[in-house]
């Protein structure tokens, strides 16, 4: 989605998505009337954060480069 980013920027983006996912999952689990522990909400938020991070940094339009074949 963001295109080719330097390695540090991609790592920071993934870390931010994970932190937001974990915090929001724990917050939602804490304030819902369902008997769900905050740790389960954090786990669900972490999975959502990983999926979001993958969608943010993955280049879906990248084409595979053909392999070179050397003939001797």
C-alpha atoms as a PDB file:
ATOM      1  CA  UNK A   1       0.000   0.000   0.000  1.00  0.00           C
ATOM      2  CA  UNK A   2       2.771   2.435   0.892  1.00  0.00           C
ATOM      3  CA  UNK A   3       5.106   1.150  -1.785  1.00  0.00           C
ATOM      4  CA  UNK A   4       8.753   0.329  -1.373  1.00  0.00           C
ATOM      5  CA  UNK A   5       9.920   1.598   1.996  1.00  0.00           C
ATOM      6  CA  UNK A   6      13.322   1.392   3.655  1.00  0.00           C
ATOM      7  CA  UNK A   7      13.711  -1.504   6.086  1.00  0.00           C
ATOM      8  CA  UNK A   8      13.623   0.732   9.188  1.00  0.00           C
ATOM      9  CA  UNK A   9      10.391   2.410   8.132  1.00  0.00           C
ATOM     10  CA  UNK A  10       8.751  -0.937   7.436  1.00  0.00           C
ATOM     11  CA  UNK A  11       9.787  -2.232  10.861  1.00  0.00           C
ATOM     12  CA  UNK A  12       8.439   0.890  12.555  1.00  0.00           C
ATOM     13  CA  UNK A  13       5.171   0.602  10.649  1.00  0.00           C
ATOM     14  CA  UNK A  14       4.786  -3.062  11.614  1.00  0.00           C
ATOM     15  CA  UNK A  15       5.598  -2.301  15.269  1.00  0.00           C
ATOM     16  CA  UNK A  16       3.073   0.537  15.345  1.00  0.00           C
ATOM     17  CA  UNK A  17       0.356  -1.633  13.793  1.00  0.00           C
ATOM     18  CA  UNK A  18       1.046  -4.391  16.324  1.00  0.00           C
ATOM     19  CA  UNK A  19       0.967  -1.997  19.285  1.00  0.00           C
ATOM     20  CA  UNK A  20      -2.279  -0.403  18.130  1.00  0.00           C
ATOM     21  CA  UNK A  21      -3.824  -3.809  17.498  1.00  0.00           C
ATOM     22  CA  UNK A  22      -2.846  -5.207  20.894  1.00  0.00           C
ATOM     23  CA  UNK A  23      -3.943  -2.085  22.780  1.00  0.00           C
ATOM     24  CA  UNK A  24      -7.270  -1.808  20.971  1.00  0.00           C
ATOM     25  CA  UNK A  25      -8.001  -5.515  21.401  1.00  0.00           C
ATOM     26  CA  UNK A  26      -7.293  -5.349  25.140  1.00  0.00           C
ATOM     27  CA  UNK A  27      -9.357  -2.162  25.481  1.00  0.00           C
ATOM     28  CA  UNK A  28     -12.358  -3.635  23.668  1.00  0.00           C
ATOM     29  CA  UNK A  29     -12.137  -6.853  25.674  1.00  0.00           C
ATOM     30  CA  UNK A  30     -11.906  -4.913  28.933  1.00  0.00           C
ATOM     31  CA  UNK A  31     -14.979  -2.775  28.298  1.00  0.00           C
ATOM     32  CA  UNK A  32     -17.307  -5.383  26.788  1.00  0.00           C
ATOM     33  CA  UNK A  33     -19.904  -7.036  29.009  1.00  0.00           C
ATOM     34  CA  UNK A  34     -18.889 -10.451  27.681  1.00  0.00           C
ATOM     35  CA  UNK A  35     -16.693 -12.540  29.975  1.00  0.00           C
ATOM     36  CA  UNK A  36     -13.577 -12.158  27.844  1.00  0.00           C
ATOM     37  CA  UNK A  37     -10.219 -11.598  29.454  1.00  0.00           C
ATOM     38  CA  UNK A  38      -8.101  -8.680  28.309  1.00  0.00           C
ATOM     39  CA  UNK A  39      -5.329 -11.074  27.325  1.00  0.00           C
ATOM     40  CA  UNK A  40      -7.636 -12.808  24.818  1.00  0.00           C
ATOM     41  CA  UNK A  41      -8.561  -9.404  23.416  1.00  0.00           C
ATOM     42  CA  UNK A  42      -4.901  -8.504  23.158  1.00  0.00           C
ATOM     43  CA  UNK A  43      -4.234 -11.752  21.298  1.00  0.00           C
ATOM     44  CA  UNK A  44      -7.056 -11.059  18.853  1.00  0.00           C
ATOM     45  CA  UNK A  45      -5.754  -7.500  18.467  1.00  0.00           C
ATOM     46  CA  UNK A  46      -2.253  -8.822  17.794  1.00  0.00           C
ATOM     47  CA  UNK A  47      -3.574 -11.065  15.019  1.00  0.00           C
ATOM     48  CA  UNK A  48      -5.459  -8.105  13.548  1.00  0.00           C
ATOM     49  CA  UNK A  49      -2.292  -6.003  13.851  1.00  0.00           C
ATOM     50  CA  UNK A  50      -0.241  -8.604  12.004  1.00  0.00           C
ATOM     51  CA  UNK A  51      -2.798  -8.733   9.200  1.00  0.00           C
ATOM     52  CA  UNK A  52      -2.910  -4.949   9.024  1.00  0.00           C
ATOM     53  CA  UNK A  53       0.878  -4.706   8.998  1.00  0.00           C
ATOM     54  CA  UNK A  54       1.073  -7.273   6.202  1.00  0.00           C
ATOM     55  CA  UNK A  55      -1.476  -5.329   4.169  1.00  0.00           C
ATOM     56  CA  UNK A  56       0.410  -2.085   4.754  1.00  0.00           C
ATOM     57  CA  UNK A  57       3.906  -3.184   3.759  1.00  0.00           C
ATOM     58  CA  UNK A  58       3.231  -5.932   1.201  1.00  0.00           C
ATOM     59  CA  UNK A  59       3.534  -4.962  -2.440  1.00  0.00           C
ATOM     60  CA  UNK A  60       0.620  -6.729  -4.086  1.00  0.00           C
ATOM     61  CA  UNK A  61       1.594  -5.533  -7.564  1.00  0.00           C
ATOM     62  CA  UNK A  62       5.156  -6.835  -7.539  1.00  0.00           C
ATOM     63  CA  UNK A  63       5.930  -9.118 -10.394  1.00  0.00           C
ATOM     64  CA  UNK A  64       8.224 -12.082 -10.098  1.00  0.00           C
ATOM     65  CA  UNK A  65      11.446 -11.617 -11.961  1.00  0.00           C
ATOM     66  CA  UNK A  66      12.339 -14.455 -14.295  1.00  0.00           C
ATOM     67  CA  UNK A  67      15.386 -16.499 -13.431  1.00  0.00           C
ATOM     68  CA  UNK A  68      18.411 -16.340 -15.653  1.00  0.00           C
ATOM     69  CA  UNK A  69      19.527 -19.605 -17.054  1.00  0.00           C
ATOM     70  CA  UNK A  70      23.155 -19.914 -17.990  1.00  0.00           C
ATOM     71  CA  UNK A  71      24.058 -22.464 -20.573  1.00  0.00           C
ATOM     72  CA  UNK A  72      27.654 -23.535 -20.837  1.00  0.00           C
END
